[in-house]
């Protein structure tokens, strides 16, 4: 069964930002689906918790230069 995570992400300003976050997270083993909205400042992730942790997903987003709310 997949877990879901919704993160408040600041710094995304356009569709390109959404695409960058989506592409990066989709490359992570265990990630099943990603939705990103720069206007809402939200990233939704459906993932397999036996393969990847929320902390790793947050680090991937932060590595792109965006801030993830705690």
N, C-alpha and C. Protein backbone atom coordinates (compact mmCIF):
# COMPACT_ATOMS: atom_id res chain seq x y z
N UNK A 1 0.84 -1.20 0.00
CA UNK A 1 0.00 0.00 0.00
C UNK A 1 0.88 1.25 0.00
N UNK A 2 0.52 2.20 -0.83
CA UNK A 2 1.32 3.42 -0.96
C UNK A 2 0.95 4.43 0.12
N UNK A 3 1.95 5.16 0.56
CA UNK A 3 1.76 6.28 1.47
C UNK A 3 1.67 7.55 0.64
N UNK A 4 1.07 8.58 1.22
CA UNK A 4 1.02 9.87 0.54
C UNK A 4 1.63 10.93 1.45
N UNK A 5 2.21 11.92 0.81
CA UNK A 5 2.86 13.01 1.53
C UNK A 5 2.56 14.29 0.78
N UNK A 6 2.14 15.32 1.50
CA UNK A 6 1.94 16.62 0.88
C UNK A 6 2.87 17.61 1.57
N UNK A 7 3.72 18.24 0.77
CA UNK A 7 4.72 19.15 1.31
C UNK A 7 4.45 20.58 0.85
N UNK A 8 4.65 21.51 1.76
CA UNK A 8 4.57 22.94 1.44
C UNK A 8 5.97 23.35 0.97
N UNK A 9 6.06 23.76 -0.28
CA UNK A 9 7.35 24.08 -0.89
C UNK A 9 7.34 25.53 -1.35
N UNK A 10 8.32 26.29 -0.93
CA UNK A 10 8.42 27.68 -1.38
C UNK A 10 9.60 27.82 -2.34
N UNK A 11 9.47 28.78 -3.23
CA UNK A 11 10.52 29.03 -4.21
C UNK A 11 10.16 28.60 -5.62
N UNK A 12 9.10 27.79 -5.77
CA UNK A 12 8.65 27.41 -7.11
C UNK A 12 7.88 28.60 -7.69
N UNK A 13 8.28 29.06 -8.87
CA UNK A 13 7.66 30.25 -9.44
C UNK A 13 6.99 30.04 -10.78
N UNK A 14 7.14 28.85 -11.37
CA UNK A 14 6.59 28.64 -12.71
C UNK A 14 6.42 27.16 -13.00
N UNK A 15 5.89 26.87 -14.18
CA UNK A 15 5.70 25.49 -14.59
C UNK A 15 7.02 24.74 -14.72
N UNK A 16 8.08 25.46 -15.06
CA UNK A 16 9.40 24.83 -15.15
C UNK A 16 9.86 24.30 -13.79
N UNK A 17 9.54 25.06 -12.75
CA UNK A 17 9.87 24.62 -11.39
C UNK A 17 9.10 23.34 -11.06
N UNK A 18 7.82 23.34 -11.40
CA UNK A 18 7.00 22.15 -11.17
C UNK A 18 7.59 20.95 -11.89
N UNK A 19 8.00 21.15 -13.14
CA UNK A 19 8.57 20.06 -13.93
C UNK A 19 9.87 19.55 -13.33
N UNK A 20 10.71 20.47 -12.87
CA UNK A 20 11.99 20.06 -12.27
C UNK A 20 11.77 19.20 -11.03
N UNK A 21 10.84 19.62 -10.18
CA UNK A 21 10.55 18.85 -8.97
C UNK A 21 9.95 17.50 -9.33
N UNK A 22 9.01 17.50 -10.26
CA UNK A 22 8.36 16.26 -10.67
C UNK A 22 9.36 15.27 -11.26
N UNK A 23 10.20 15.75 -12.19
CA UNK A 23 11.19 14.87 -12.82
C UNK A 23 12.16 14.29 -11.80
N UNK A 24 12.63 15.14 -10.89
CA UNK A 24 13.60 14.68 -9.89
C UNK A 24 13.00 13.61 -8.99
N UNK A 25 11.79 13.84 -8.52
CA UNK A 25 11.18 12.88 -7.61
C UNK A 25 10.77 11.59 -8.31
N UNK A 26 10.38 11.68 -9.57
CA UNK A 26 9.97 10.47 -10.29
C UNK A 26 11.15 9.53 -10.54
N UNK A 27 12.36 10.04 -10.46
CA UNK A 27 13.56 9.20 -10.64
C UNK A 27 13.91 8.42 -9.37
N UNK A 28 13.28 8.75 -8.26
CA UNK A 28 13.58 8.09 -6.98
C UNK A 28 12.84 6.76 -6.91
N UNK A 29 13.58 5.70 -6.62
CA UNK A 29 12.97 4.38 -6.50
C UNK A 29 11.93 4.39 -5.38
N UNK A 30 10.73 3.94 -5.69
CA UNK A 30 9.67 3.90 -4.70
C UNK A 30 8.62 4.99 -4.90
N UNK A 31 8.95 6.03 -5.67
CA UNK A 31 7.98 7.10 -5.93
C UNK A 31 7.04 6.65 -7.04
N UNK A 32 5.74 6.72 -6.77
CA UNK A 32 4.75 6.25 -7.72
C UNK A 32 4.08 7.39 -8.49
N UNK A 33 3.85 8.52 -7.81
CA UNK A 33 3.17 9.65 -8.46
C UNK A 33 3.59 10.94 -7.80
N UNK A 34 3.73 11.98 -8.61
CA UNK A 34 4.09 13.30 -8.10
C UNK A 34 3.18 14.34 -8.73
N UNK A 35 2.66 15.26 -7.92
CA UNK A 35 1.96 16.43 -8.42
C UNK A 35 2.60 17.65 -7.79
N UNK A 36 2.79 18.68 -8.58
CA UNK A 36 3.40 19.91 -8.06
C UNK A 36 2.62 21.12 -8.57
N UNK A 37 2.41 22.09 -7.69
CA UNK A 37 1.71 23.32 -8.06
C UNK A 37 2.49 24.51 -7.52
N UNK A 38 3.05 25.30 -8.43
CA UNK A 38 3.79 26.48 -7.97
C UNK A 38 2.85 27.52 -7.40
N UNK A 39 1.63 27.62 -7.94
CA UNK A 39 0.70 28.64 -7.45
C UNK A 39 0.22 28.33 -6.03
N UNK A 40 0.05 27.04 -5.71
CA UNK A 40 -0.36 26.65 -4.36
C UNK A 40 0.83 26.42 -3.45
N UNK A 41 2.02 26.26 -4.05
CA UNK A 41 3.21 25.98 -3.26
C UNK A 41 3.18 24.59 -2.62
N UNK A 42 2.57 23.64 -3.33
CA UNK A 42 2.43 22.30 -2.78
C UNK A 42 2.99 21.24 -3.72
N UNK A 43 3.55 20.20 -3.12
CA UNK A 43 3.99 19.03 -3.86
C UNK A 43 3.36 17.82 -3.18
N UNK A 44 2.65 17.04 -3.96
CA UNK A 44 2.04 15.81 -3.45
C UNK A 44 2.80 14.61 -4.00
N UNK A 45 3.07 13.65 -3.14
CA UNK A 45 3.85 12.48 -3.54
C UNK A 45 3.17 11.22 -3.02
N UNK A 46 2.99 10.25 -3.92
CA UNK A 46 2.55 8.92 -3.50
C UNK A 46 3.77 8.01 -3.65
N UNK A 47 4.10 7.28 -2.58
CA UNK A 47 5.35 6.52 -2.59
C UNK A 47 5.23 5.25 -1.76
N UNK A 48 6.18 4.36 -1.98
CA UNK A 48 6.28 3.11 -1.24
C UNK A 48 7.24 3.33 -0.08
N UNK A 49 6.70 3.35 1.13
CA UNK A 49 7.52 3.65 2.32
C UNK A 49 8.54 2.57 2.64
N UNK A 50 8.44 1.42 1.99
CA UNK A 50 9.46 0.38 2.21
C UNK A 50 10.70 0.65 1.35
N UNK A 51 10.58 1.58 0.39
CA UNK A 51 11.70 1.88 -0.51
C UNK A 51 12.30 3.27 -0.31
N UNK A 52 11.50 4.21 0.18
CA UNK A 52 12.00 5.58 0.33
C UNK A 52 11.28 6.25 1.51
N UNK A 53 12.00 7.14 2.20
CA UNK A 53 11.43 7.83 3.36
C UNK A 53 11.06 9.27 3.00
N UNK A 54 10.13 9.86 3.75
CA UNK A 54 9.80 11.28 3.52
C UNK A 54 11.04 12.18 3.63
N UNK A 55 11.96 11.86 4.50
CA UNK A 55 13.17 12.69 4.66
C UNK A 55 13.98 12.73 3.36
N UNK A 56 14.09 11.60 2.69
CA UNK A 56 14.83 11.55 1.42
C UNK A 56 14.11 12.39 0.37
N UNK A 57 12.79 12.31 0.34
CA UNK A 57 12.03 13.09 -0.64
C UNK A 57 12.21 14.59 -0.40
N UNK A 58 12.19 15.00 0.85
CA UNK A 58 12.41 16.42 1.19
C UNK A 58 13.80 16.87 0.75
N UNK A 59 14.81 16.02 1.01
CA UNK A 59 16.18 16.35 0.63
C UNK A 59 16.31 16.53 -0.88
N UNK A 60 15.63 15.70 -1.65
CA UNK A 60 15.67 15.81 -3.12
C UNK A 60 15.12 17.16 -3.57
N UNK A 61 14.02 17.59 -2.98
CA UNK A 61 13.43 18.89 -3.34
C UNK A 61 14.37 20.02 -2.93
N UNK A 62 14.91 19.93 -1.73
CA UNK A 62 15.81 20.97 -1.24
C UNK A 62 17.09 21.04 -2.08
N UNK A 63 17.53 19.91 -2.63
CA UNK A 63 18.74 19.90 -3.46
C UNK A 63 18.56 20.71 -4.74
N UNK A 64 17.30 20.96 -5.12
CA UNK A 64 17.01 21.78 -6.30
C UNK A 64 16.97 23.27 -5.96
N UNK A 65 17.08 23.61 -4.67
CA UNK A 65 17.10 25.00 -4.26
C UNK A 65 15.79 25.53 -3.71
N UNK A 66 14.82 24.64 -3.49
CA UNK A 66 13.54 25.04 -2.94
C UNK A 66 13.52 24.77 -1.44
N UNK A 67 12.68 25.50 -0.72
CA UNK A 67 12.55 25.31 0.72
C UNK A 67 11.30 24.49 1.01
N UNK A 68 11.48 23.48 1.88
CA UNK A 68 10.37 22.63 2.28
C UNK A 68 10.03 22.96 3.72
N UNK A 69 8.77 23.29 3.97
CA UNK A 69 8.34 23.63 5.34
C UNK A 69 8.45 22.37 6.21
N UNK A 70 8.79 22.55 7.49
CA UNK A 70 8.91 21.39 8.39
C UNK A 70 7.57 20.69 8.59
